[in-house]
Amino acid sequence: MTTISIALMIIGAIGVVLLKKPLDKVIMVSILEAGLFLAIVSFKYLDVAFLTAVLDPLYIIVFLLALIKINNVRKSKLNDFSTVPKMMQSTENRERNSEGGK
């Protein structure tokens, strides 16, 4: 039973590191937590296992909220940078016009 829990933790950790999509990372974190829970139960720390079982869903919710916030910040920064070439273009046009059309 401990080998299964160790395998789940290793698979989850490798998946979190290698996968790119945020929702795939959430799935891998859940697999990692399942392995951790199984290891805690196999060592007969049932009070810690109870606390882990109660707090794991809360952790996933906080993780999902953080991912949503990060995606919103990334989208807003992309929108901000999309106006930079327009601003640069308008300053270049002003410089050309101030030079007399050279």
C-alpha atoms as a PDB file:
ATOM      1  CA  MET A   1       0.000   0.000   0.000  1.00  0.00           C
ATOM      2  CA  THR A   2       2.857   2.382   0.680  1.00  0.00           C
ATOM      3  CA  THR A   3       4.356   1.699  -2.745  1.00  0.00           C
ATOM      4  CA  ILE A   4       1.083   2.729  -4.361  1.00  0.00           C
ATOM      5  CA  SER A   5       0.977   5.922  -2.314  1.00  0.00           C
ATOM      6  CA  ILE A   6       4.586   6.737  -3.191  1.00  0.00           C
ATOM      7  CA  ALA A   7       3.873   6.071  -6.871  1.00  0.00           C
ATOM      8  CA  LEU A   8       0.842   8.387  -6.765  1.00  0.00           C
ATOM      9  CA  MET A   9       2.864  11.137  -5.111  1.00  0.00           C
ATOM     10  CA  ILE A  10       5.679  10.824  -7.662  1.00  0.00           C
ATOM     11  CA  ILE A  11       3.289  10.785 -10.624  1.00  0.00           C
ATOM     12  CA  GLY A  12       1.442  13.813  -9.240  1.00  0.00           C
ATOM     13  CA  ALA A  13       4.642  15.771  -8.593  1.00  0.00           C
ATOM     14  CA  ILE A  14       6.064  15.046 -12.040  1.00  0.00           C
ATOM     15  CA  GLY A  15       2.733  15.935 -13.643  1.00  0.00           C
ATOM     16  CA  VAL A  16       2.556  19.266 -11.823  1.00  0.00           C
ATOM     17  CA  VAL A  17       6.039  20.172 -13.002  1.00  0.00           C
ATOM     18  CA  LEU A  18       5.732  19.027 -16.617  1.00  0.00           C
ATOM     19  CA  LEU A  19       2.179  19.908 -17.600  1.00  0.00           C
ATOM     20  CA  LYS A  20       1.455  23.364 -18.986  1.00  0.00           C
ATOM     21  CA  LYS A  21      -2.316  23.772 -18.674  1.00  0.00           C
ATOM     22  CA  PRO A  22      -3.495  25.012 -15.269  1.00  0.00           C
ATOM     23  CA  LEU A  23      -6.459  22.640 -15.037  1.00  0.00           C
ATOM     24  CA  ASP A  24      -4.200  19.677 -15.773  1.00  0.00           C
ATOM     25  CA  LYS A  25      -2.030  20.842 -12.886  1.00  0.00           C
ATOM     26  CA  VAL A  26      -5.077  20.821 -10.603  1.00  0.00           C
ATOM     27  CA  ILE A  27      -5.752  17.202 -11.554  1.00  0.00           C
ATOM     28  CA  MET A  28      -2.144  16.258 -10.848  1.00  0.00           C
ATOM     29  CA  VAL A  29      -2.230  18.038  -7.485  1.00  0.00           C
ATOM     30  CA  SER A  30      -5.320  15.967  -6.636  1.00  0.00           C
ATOM     31  CA  ILE A  31      -3.444  12.777  -7.546  1.00  0.00           C
ATOM     32  CA  LEU A  32      -0.520  13.895  -5.393  1.00  0.00           C
ATOM     33  CA  GLU A  33      -2.888  14.587  -2.490  1.00  0.00           C
ATOM     34  CA  ALA A  34      -4.495  11.150  -2.894  1.00  0.00           C
ATOM     35  CA  GLY A  35      -1.068   9.557  -2.559  1.00  0.00           C
ATOM     36  CA  LEU A  36      -0.303  11.677   0.488  1.00  0.00           C
ATOM     37  CA  PHE A  37      -3.632  10.739   2.074  1.00  0.00           C
ATOM     38  CA  LEU A  38      -2.989   7.050   1.413  1.00  0.00           C
ATOM     39  CA  ALA A  39       0.486   7.311   2.964  1.00  0.00           C
ATOM     40  CA  ILE A  40      -0.913   9.023   6.060  1.00  0.00           C
ATOM     41  CA  VAL A  41      -3.555   6.312   6.467  1.00  0.00           C
ATOM     42  CA  SER A  42      -1.022   3.507   5.919  1.00  0.00           C
ATOM     43  CA  PHE A  43       1.091   4.868   8.793  1.00  0.00           C
ATOM     44  CA  LYS A  44      -2.090   4.929  10.959  1.00  0.00           C
ATOM     45  CA  TYR A  45      -2.176   8.672  11.646  1.00  0.00           C
ATOM     46  CA  LEU A  46      -5.949   8.741  11.421  1.00  0.00           C
ATOM     47  CA  ASP A  47      -6.396  12.129  13.091  1.00  0.00           C
ATOM     48  CA  VAL A  48      -4.056  13.711  10.553  1.00  0.00           C
ATOM     49  CA  ALA A  49      -5.847  11.818   7.781  1.00  0.00           C
ATOM     50  CA  PHE A  50      -9.162  13.271   8.955  1.00  0.00           C
ATOM     51  CA  LEU A  51      -7.757  16.797   8.921  1.00  0.00           C
ATOM     52  CA  THR A  52      -6.234  16.208   5.484  1.00  0.00           C
ATOM     53  CA  ALA A  53      -9.543  14.929   4.138  1.00  0.00           C
ATOM     54  CA  VAL A  54     -11.318  18.031   5.431  1.00  0.00           C
ATOM     55  CA  LEU A  55      -8.750  20.569   4.225  1.00  0.00           C
ATOM     56  CA  ASP A  56      -7.954  19.117   0.771  1.00  0.00           C
ATOM     57  CA  PRO A  57     -11.119  20.415  -0.935  1.00  0.00           C
ATOM     58  CA  LEU A  58     -10.495  23.857   0.544  1.00  0.00           C
ATOM     59  CA  TYR A  59      -6.954  23.807  -0.806  1.00  0.00           C
ATOM     60  CA  ILE A  60      -8.208  22.919  -4.297  1.00  0.00           C
ATOM     61  CA  ILE A  61     -10.734  25.774  -4.207  1.00  0.00           C
ATOM     62  CA  VAL A  62      -8.033  28.268  -3.216  1.00  0.00           C
ATOM     63  CA  PHE A  63      -5.758  26.875  -5.942  1.00  0.00           C
ATOM     64  CA  LEU A  64      -8.501  27.295  -8.563  1.00  0.00           C
ATOM     65  CA  LEU A  65      -9.210  30.866  -7.421  1.00  0.00           C
ATOM     66  CA  ALA A  66      -5.503  31.672  -7.744  1.00  0.00           C
ATOM     67  CA  LEU A  67      -5.448  30.233 -11.272  1.00  0.00           C
ATOM     68  CA  ILE A  68      -8.442  32.344 -12.266  1.00  0.00           C
ATOM     69  CA  LYS A  69      -6.783  35.470 -10.875  1.00  0.00           C
ATOM     70  CA  ILE A  70      -3.504  34.725 -12.654  1.00  0.00           C
ATOM     71  CA  ASN A  71      -5.320  34.248 -15.967  1.00  0.00           C
ATOM     72  CA  ASN A  72      -7.152  37.556 -15.510  1.00  0.00           C
ATOM     73  CA  VAL A  73      -3.894  39.385 -14.800  1.00  0.00           C
ATOM     74  CA  ARG A  74      -2.221  37.803 -17.834  1.00  0.00           C
ATOM     75  CA  LYS A  75      -5.120  38.796 -20.098  1.00  0.00           C
ATOM     76  CA  SER A  76      -5.083  42.375 -18.839  1.00  0.00           C
ATOM     77  CA  LYS A  77      -1.335  42.642 -19.404  1.00  0.00           C
ATOM     78  CA  LEU A  78      -1.727  41.308 -22.949  1.00  0.00           C
ATOM     79  CA  ASN A  79      -4.360  43.957 -23.607  1.00  0.00           C
ATOM     80  CA  ASP A  80      -2.063  46.655 -22.213  1.00  0.00           C
ATOM     81  CA  PHE A  81       0.833  45.560 -24.405  1.00  0.00           C
ATOM     82  CA  SER A  82      -1.357  45.385 -27.505  1.00  0.00           C
ATOM     83  CA  THR A  83      -1.656  49.204 -27.416  1.00  0.00           C
ATOM     84  CA  VAL A  84       2.120  49.778 -27.246  1.00  0.00           C
ATOM     85  CA  PRO A  85       2.775  49.549 -31.030  1.00  0.00           C
ATOM     86  CA  LYS A  86      -0.058  52.016 -31.666  1.00  0.00           C
ATOM     87  CA  MET A  87       1.435  54.436 -29.177  1.00  0.00           C
ATOM     88  CA  MET A  88       4.907  54.048 -30.690  1.00  0.00           C
ATOM     89  CA  GLN A  89       3.518  54.548 -34.163  1.00  0.00           C
ATOM     90  CA  SER A  90       1.775  57.768 -33.169  1.00  0.00           C
ATOM     91  CA  THR A  91       4.985  59.174 -31.608  1.00  0.00           C
ATOM     92  CA  GLU A  92       6.923  58.307 -34.775  1.00  0.00           C
ATOM     93  CA  ASN A  93       4.330  60.135 -36.861  1.00  0.00           C
ATOM     94  CA  ARG A  94       4.594  63.188 -34.602  1.00  0.00           C
ATOM     95  CA  GLU A  95       8.383  63.201 -34.997  1.00  0.00           C
ATOM     96  CA  ARG A  96       8.118  62.968 -38.772  1.00  0.00           C
ATOM     97  CA  ASN A  97       5.582  65.772 -38.914  1.00  0.00           C
ATOM     98  CA  SER A  98       7.670  67.993 -36.668  1.00  0.00           C
ATOM     99  CA  GLU A  99      10.696  67.512 -38.961  1.00  0.00           C
ATOM    100  CA  GLY A 100       8.781  68.867 -41.914  1.00  0.00           C
ATOM    101  CA  GLY A 101       8.032  65.600 -43.682  1.00  0.00           C
ATOM    102  CA  LYS A 102      11.610  64.511 -44.326  1.00  0.00           C
END
